[in-house]
Protein backbone atom coordinates (compact mmCIF):
# COMPACT_ATOMS: atom_id res chain seq x y z
CA MET A 1 -33.52 -3.40 36.82
CA ARG A 2 -35.38 -0.99 34.27
CA LYS A 3 -33.17 1.85 35.59
CA ILE A 4 -29.82 -0.44 34.47
CA ILE A 5 -30.85 -1.13 31.22
CA THR A 6 -32.19 2.18 30.72
CA LEU A 7 -28.45 3.74 32.06
CA THR A 8 -26.92 0.85 29.43
CA PHE A 9 -28.87 2.25 26.36
CA MET A 10 -28.15 5.70 27.18
CA ALA A 11 -24.46 4.96 27.60
CA ALA A 12 -24.71 3.20 24.27
CA ALA A 13 -26.36 5.77 22.69
CA LEU A 14 -23.57 8.21 24.19
CA ALA A 15 -20.67 6.07 22.60
CA LEU A 16 -22.31 6.07 19.26
CA SER A 17 -22.46 9.57 18.95
CA ALA A 18 -18.52 10.24 20.27
CA THR A 19 -17.41 8.42 17.65
CA ALA A 20 -16.41 10.16 14.18
CA PRO A 21 -18.14 9.57 11.29
CA ALA A 22 -16.66 8.24 8.48
CA SER A 23 -16.11 10.68 5.68
CA ALA A 24 -17.48 10.06 1.89
CA THR A 25 -13.95 9.02 0.57
CA GLU A 26 -13.43 6.30 3.36
CA THR A 27 -13.64 3.09 1.84
CA LEU A 28 -13.73 -0.21 4.07
CA GLY A 29 -9.97 -0.63 2.63
CA THR A 30 -8.58 2.60 4.08
CA ILE A 31 -10.60 1.68 7.46
CA LEU A 32 -8.53 -1.20 7.86
CA PHE A 33 -5.67 -0.86 6.53
CA GLY A 34 -5.54 3.23 6.53
CA HIS A 35 -4.50 5.67 3.65
CA PRO A 36 -1.47 4.71 1.36
CA MET A 37 1.97 6.87 1.55
CA GLU A 38 1.60 7.63 -1.63
CA PRO A 39 -2.11 7.51 -3.64
CA GLY A 40 -1.17 5.72 -7.03
CA ILE A 41 2.13 3.91 -5.64
CA ALA A 42 2.43 0.32 -4.47
CA VAL A 43 5.39 -1.79 -3.07
CA ILE A 44 5.79 -5.18 -3.25
CA MET A 45 9.36 -6.48 -0.97
CA ILE A 46 10.54 -9.69 -2.06
CA LYS A 47 12.53 -11.91 -0.06
CA SER A 48 15.82 -13.07 -1.99
CA GLY A 49 15.07 -16.94 -1.13
CA ASP A 50 10.78 -16.73 -2.06
CA ARG A 51 10.76 -18.63 -4.63
CA GLY A 52 7.14 -20.07 -4.45
CA GLY A 53 5.27 -16.83 -3.42
CA ASP A 54 2.20 -15.87 -5.59
CA ARG A 55 2.26 -12.11 -4.11
CA ALA A 56 4.26 -11.03 -7.58
CA PRO A 57 4.53 -12.98 -10.99
CA ALA A 58 7.66 -14.60 -11.45
CA ILE A 59 8.69 -12.34 -13.98
CA PHE A 60 9.41 -9.92 -11.64
CA ARG A 61 10.90 -12.36 -8.64
CA ASP A 62 13.58 -12.99 -11.56
CA PRO A 63 13.69 -9.96 -13.64
CA SER A 64 15.67 -10.23 -17.18
CA ALA A 65 18.58 -7.45 -17.18
CA GLU A 66 16.36 -5.54 -19.67
CA THR A 67 13.39 -5.51 -17.08
CA ARG A 68 16.01 -4.48 -14.46
CA ALA A 69 17.17 -1.47 -16.69
CA ARG A 70 13.58 -0.19 -17.56
CA ALA A 71 12.80 0.03 -14.04
CA GLN A 72 15.62 2.22 -13.19
CA THR A 73 15.18 4.16 -15.91
CA GLU A 74 11.94 5.14 -14.55
CA ILE A 75 13.14 5.72 -11.69
CA ALA A 76 15.45 8.19 -12.98
CA SER A 77 12.85 9.96 -14.44
CA ASN A 78 10.18 10.13 -12.31
CA PRO A 79 10.52 12.20 -9.28
CA VAL A 80 7.44 10.95 -7.23
CA ILE A 81 8.94 7.03 -7.77
CA LYS A 82 12.40 8.57 -6.70
CA ALA A 83 11.01 10.14 -3.56
CA SER A 84 8.35 7.46 -2.79
CA LEU A 85 11.62 4.86 -2.41
CA GLU A 86 13.46 7.70 -0.46
CA ARG A 87 10.85 7.62 2.26
CA ARG A 88 10.54 4.01 2.40
CA ASN A 89 14.25 3.86 2.82
CA ILE A 90 14.50 1.40 -0.54
CA ARG A 91 17.94 2.45 -2.48
CA PRO A 92 16.84 2.52 -6.52
CA HIS A 93 19.77 -0.60 -7.00
CA ASN A 94 17.26 -2.71 -4.85
CA VAL A 95 14.27 -2.13 -7.26
CA LEU A 96 13.93 -5.54 -9.45
CA ALA A 97 10.52 -3.99 -11.55
CA ILE A 98 7.79 -1.62 -11.93
CA GLN A 99 4.41 -2.61 -13.38
CA THR A 100 2.00 0.00 -14.42
CA ALA A 101 -1.22 -1.05 -13.56
CA LEU A 102 -4.31 -0.39 -16.00
CA ASP A 103 -5.50 2.62 -13.57
CA GLY A 104 -2.09 4.33 -14.32
CA SER A 105 -0.32 3.21 -11.06
CA LYS A 106 2.81 1.57 -10.31
CA ILE A 107 3.67 -1.30 -8.40
CA ILE A 108 7.38 -1.13 -7.69
CA TYR A 109 8.61 -4.78 -7.35
CA ALA A 110 11.89 -4.06 -4.52
CA ARG A 111 14.26 -6.99 -2.12
C-alpha cells in the first residue's frame, strides 16, 4: 500500500513539473480563451434578427446612416482595421459601427 501511494505522489510530481509554466504576460482570460487575433481590436457579430440581445447597444444594432458612414471612413483610413476585417472574412460593407474604447482599442460591430 505504501508503495502505491509513493508511486502516485511521484507520478503527480513528475506530471506537474512537466507542464510548461505560464509566462508573466498570461492572464486568466488569455489562458481560457487564447490571445486575440489583433490586440486592441474586438469584433462583435450581430445577427440581423437579433433585436433583444444585449451584446451590443441599440445604437449599434440599428445604426444611423451617419454612424455607418463614419465606420466606412475609419475602415478606409485605418489599414490595421482593414487587414483585421480581411483576416476574419468580413466585408467592409457589413460593418455597422466602430466604437473606440477608453483604452484606445476598437470595437467593431458587424453583421
